[in-house]
Amino acid sequence: MAMEQIVSTQLRLTFFEGYDEASDKNIYVRKSFNNINAFATSDALLAVSEAMATLQTLPLDAVERADVVAIH
């Protein structure tokens, strides 16, 4: 039976920067944070993300968690 082990976790915050009328698309800025504790809960990551968003000038659009998992 295969075993999984979380190798690393990354937190990604996406901020809405504006709208590009020429291309008719929204513009987003992404900030990534590495070395996140693999055992951090989604609720804890969301709370931290919302707190960090208050320090930014752009509105927070999305919060993502990216886990790299090794399969043995």
N, C-alpha and C. Protein backbone atom coordinates (compact mmCIF):
# COMPACT_ATOMS: atom_id res chain seq x y z
N MET A 1 0.84 -1.18 0.00
CA MET A 1 0.00 0.00 0.00
C MET A 1 0.89 1.25 0.00
N ALA A 2 0.53 2.21 -0.79
CA ALA A 2 1.31 3.45 -0.93
C ALA A 2 1.13 4.33 0.30
N MET A 3 2.24 4.97 0.69
CA MET A 3 2.23 5.90 1.83
C MET A 3 2.50 7.31 1.29
N GLU A 4 1.85 8.30 1.88
CA GLU A 4 2.05 9.69 1.49
C GLU A 4 2.72 10.45 2.62
N GLN A 5 3.61 11.37 2.25
CA GLN A 5 4.27 12.23 3.22
C GLN A 5 4.37 13.63 2.63
N ILE A 6 3.88 14.63 3.37
CA ILE A 6 3.95 16.00 2.90
C ILE A 6 5.41 16.46 3.00
N VAL A 7 5.98 16.86 1.88
CA VAL A 7 7.37 17.28 1.82
C VAL A 7 7.48 18.78 2.09
N SER A 8 6.61 19.57 1.48
CA SER A 8 6.63 21.02 1.69
C SER A 8 5.24 21.59 1.46
N THR A 9 5.02 22.76 2.06
CA THR A 9 3.74 23.45 1.92
C THR A 9 4.01 24.90 1.56
N GLN A 10 3.20 25.43 0.64
CA GLN A 10 3.33 26.81 0.22
C GLN A 10 1.96 27.49 0.35
N LEU A 11 1.97 28.73 0.82
CA LEU A 11 0.76 29.53 0.93
C LEU A 11 0.80 30.59 -0.16
N ARG A 12 -0.26 30.68 -0.95
CA ARG A 12 -0.33 31.64 -2.05
C ARG A 12 -1.51 32.58 -1.85
N LEU A 13 -1.21 33.87 -1.86
CA LEU A 13 -2.25 34.89 -1.74
C LEU A 13 -2.37 35.60 -3.07
N THR A 14 -3.58 35.72 -3.58
CA THR A 14 -3.83 36.40 -4.84
C THR A 14 -4.62 37.67 -4.56
N PHE A 15 -4.10 38.79 -5.07
CA PHE A 15 -4.71 40.09 -4.86
C PHE A 15 -5.21 40.64 -6.20
N PHE A 16 -6.35 41.31 -6.16
CA PHE A 16 -6.92 41.94 -7.35
C PHE A 16 -6.27 43.30 -7.53
N GLU A 17 -5.59 43.50 -8.67
CA GLU A 17 -4.90 44.76 -8.91
C GLU A 17 -5.72 45.72 -9.77
N GLY A 18 -6.56 45.18 -10.62
CA GLY A 18 -7.36 46.07 -11.46
C GLY A 18 -7.86 45.36 -12.70
N TYR A 19 -8.25 46.16 -13.67
CA TYR A 19 -8.84 45.64 -14.91
C TYR A 19 -8.11 46.25 -16.09
N ASP A 20 -7.73 45.40 -17.03
CA ASP A 20 -7.06 45.86 -18.25
C ASP A 20 -8.10 45.93 -19.36
N GLU A 21 -8.46 47.14 -19.72
CA GLU A 21 -9.49 47.32 -20.74
C GLU A 21 -9.02 46.87 -22.11
N ALA A 22 -7.73 46.97 -22.39
CA ALA A 22 -7.20 46.59 -23.70
C ALA A 22 -7.39 45.09 -23.96
N SER A 23 -7.12 44.27 -22.94
CA SER A 23 -7.24 42.82 -23.12
C SER A 23 -8.56 42.29 -22.55
N ASP A 24 -9.35 43.17 -21.92
CA ASP A 24 -10.64 42.79 -21.34
C ASP A 24 -10.48 41.69 -20.29
N LYS A 25 -9.41 41.82 -19.45
CA LYS A 25 -9.15 40.82 -18.40
C LYS A 25 -8.81 41.51 -17.09
N ASN A 26 -9.08 40.78 -15.99
CA ASN A 26 -8.69 41.25 -14.68
C ASN A 26 -7.19 41.05 -14.49
N ILE A 27 -6.58 41.90 -13.67
CA ILE A 27 -5.15 41.79 -13.37
C ILE A 27 -5.01 41.37 -11.92
N TYR A 28 -4.22 40.33 -11.69
CA TYR A 28 -3.99 39.81 -10.35
C TYR A 28 -2.51 39.81 -10.02
N VAL A 29 -2.20 39.96 -8.73
CA VAL A 29 -0.83 39.87 -8.24
C VAL A 29 -0.82 38.72 -7.23
N ARG A 30 0.17 37.86 -7.33
CA ARG A 30 0.27 36.72 -6.42
C ARG A 30 1.51 36.85 -5.55
N LYS A 31 1.33 36.59 -4.25
CA LYS A 31 2.45 36.54 -3.31
C LYS A 31 2.48 35.14 -2.72
N SER A 32 3.66 34.53 -2.75
CA SER A 32 3.82 33.16 -2.26
C SER A 32 4.74 33.13 -1.05
N PHE A 33 4.40 32.26 -0.12
CA PHE A 33 5.18 32.09 1.10
C PHE A 33 5.54 30.61 1.23
N ASN A 34 6.84 30.34 1.33
CA ASN A 34 7.33 28.97 1.45
C ASN A 34 7.59 28.61 2.91
N ASN A 35 7.95 27.37 3.12
CA ASN A 35 8.30 26.86 4.46
C ASN A 35 7.15 26.99 5.45
N ILE A 36 5.94 26.76 4.98
CA ILE A 36 4.76 26.76 5.84
C ILE A 36 4.71 25.42 6.57
N ASN A 37 4.33 25.45 7.83
CA ASN A 37 4.23 24.22 8.61
C ASN A 37 3.22 23.28 7.94
N ALA A 38 3.64 22.08 7.65
CA ALA A 38 2.78 21.11 6.94
C ALA A 38 1.56 20.71 7.76
N PHE A 39 1.63 20.89 9.08
CA PHE A 39 0.52 20.51 9.94
C PHE A 39 -0.44 21.67 10.22
N ALA A 40 -0.20 22.82 9.60
CA ALA A 40 -1.08 23.97 9.78
C ALA A 40 -2.46 23.65 9.19
N THR A 41 -3.49 24.01 9.92
CA THR A 41 -4.85 23.75 9.45
C THR A 41 -5.26 24.80 8.42
N SER A 42 -6.25 24.48 7.65
CA SER A 42 -6.77 25.43 6.65
C SER A 42 -7.35 26.66 7.34
N ASP A 43 -8.00 26.46 8.49
CA ASP A 43 -8.55 27.59 9.23
C ASP A 43 -7.44 28.54 9.69
N ALA A 44 -6.33 27.98 10.17
CA ALA A 44 -5.20 28.80 10.63
C ALA A 44 -4.59 29.56 9.46
N LEU A 45 -4.42 28.90 8.32
CA LEU A 45 -3.85 29.56 7.15
C LEU A 45 -4.76 30.68 6.65
N LEU A 46 -6.06 30.46 6.67
CA LEU A 46 -7.00 31.49 6.25
C LEU A 46 -6.95 32.69 7.20
N ALA A 47 -6.88 32.43 8.50
CA ALA A 47 -6.82 33.51 9.48
C ALA A 47 -5.56 34.35 9.29
N VAL A 48 -4.44 33.68 9.07
CA VAL A 48 -3.18 34.39 8.85
C VAL A 48 -3.24 35.18 7.54
N SER A 49 -3.81 34.58 6.52
CA SER A 49 -3.92 35.24 5.22
C SER A 49 -4.77 36.50 5.31
N GLU A 50 -5.88 36.42 6.02
CA GLU A 50 -6.74 37.58 6.18
C GLU A 50 -6.05 38.68 6.99
N ALA A 51 -5.26 38.28 7.99
CA ALA A 51 -4.52 39.26 8.78
C ALA A 51 -3.45 39.93 7.92
N MET A 52 -2.74 39.15 7.10
CA MET A 52 -1.71 39.72 6.23
C MET A 52 -2.34 40.62 5.16
N ALA A 53 -3.54 40.28 4.73
CA ALA A 53 -4.21 41.07 3.69
C ALA A 53 -4.52 42.48 4.18
N THR A 54 -4.72 42.64 5.48
CA THR A 54 -5.00 43.98 6.01
C THR A 54 -3.78 44.89 5.90
N LEU A 55 -2.59 44.30 5.73
CA LEU A 55 -1.36 45.08 5.59
C LEU A 55 -1.07 45.45 4.14
N GLN A 56 -1.89 44.96 3.22
CA GLN A 56 -1.69 45.21 1.79
C GLN A 56 -2.60 46.33 1.31
N THR A 57 -2.21 46.94 0.21
CA THR A 57 -3.05 48.00 -0.37
C THR A 57 -4.09 47.43 -1.33
N LEU A 58 -3.85 46.22 -1.86
CA LEU A 58 -4.78 45.60 -2.80
C LEU A 58 -5.72 44.65 -2.07
N PRO A 59 -6.95 44.48 -2.56
CA PRO A 59 -7.88 43.56 -1.91
C PRO A 59 -7.51 42.10 -2.18
N LEU A 60 -7.67 41.27 -1.16
CA LEU A 60 -7.41 39.84 -1.27
C LEU A 60 -8.50 39.18 -2.10
N ASP A 61 -8.10 38.39 -3.10
CA ASP A 61 -9.06 37.72 -3.97
C ASP A 61 -9.14 36.22 -3.68
N ALA A 62 -7.98 35.59 -3.41
CA ALA A 62 -7.99 34.14 -3.21
C ALA A 62 -6.83 33.73 -2.31
N VAL A 63 -7.04 32.62 -1.59
CA VAL A 63 -6.02 32.02 -0.76
C VAL A 63 -5.88 30.57 -1.20
N GLU A 64 -4.65 30.15 -1.47
CA GLU A 64 -4.41 28.77 -1.91
C GLU A 64 -3.33 28.13 -1.05
N ARG A 65 -3.47 26.85 -0.83
CA ARG A 65 -2.46 26.05 -0.15
C ARG A 65 -1.97 25.03 -1.15
N ALA A 66 -0.64 24.95 -1.30
CA ALA A 66 -0.05 23.99 -2.22
C ALA A 66 0.86 23.06 -1.45
N ASP A 67 0.49 21.79 -1.38
CA ASP A 67 1.30 20.77 -0.69
C ASP A 67 2.03 19.93 -1.74
N VAL A 68 3.31 19.68 -1.49
CA VAL A 68 4.07 18.73 -2.29
C VAL A 68 4.13 17.45 -1.48
N VAL A 69 3.64 16.37 -2.07
CA VAL A 69 3.53 15.11 -1.36
C VAL A 69 4.42 14.06 -2.02
N ALA A 70 5.21 13.38 -1.19
CA ALA A 70 6.02 12.25 -1.68
C ALA A 70 5.23 10.97 -1.45
N ILE A 71 5.25 10.12 -2.44
CA ILE A 71 4.54 8.83 -2.34
C ILE A 71 5.60 7.73 -2.26
N HIS A 72 5.49 6.94 -1.19
CA HIS A 72 6.45 5.85 -0.99
C HIS A 72 5.78 4.52 -1.26
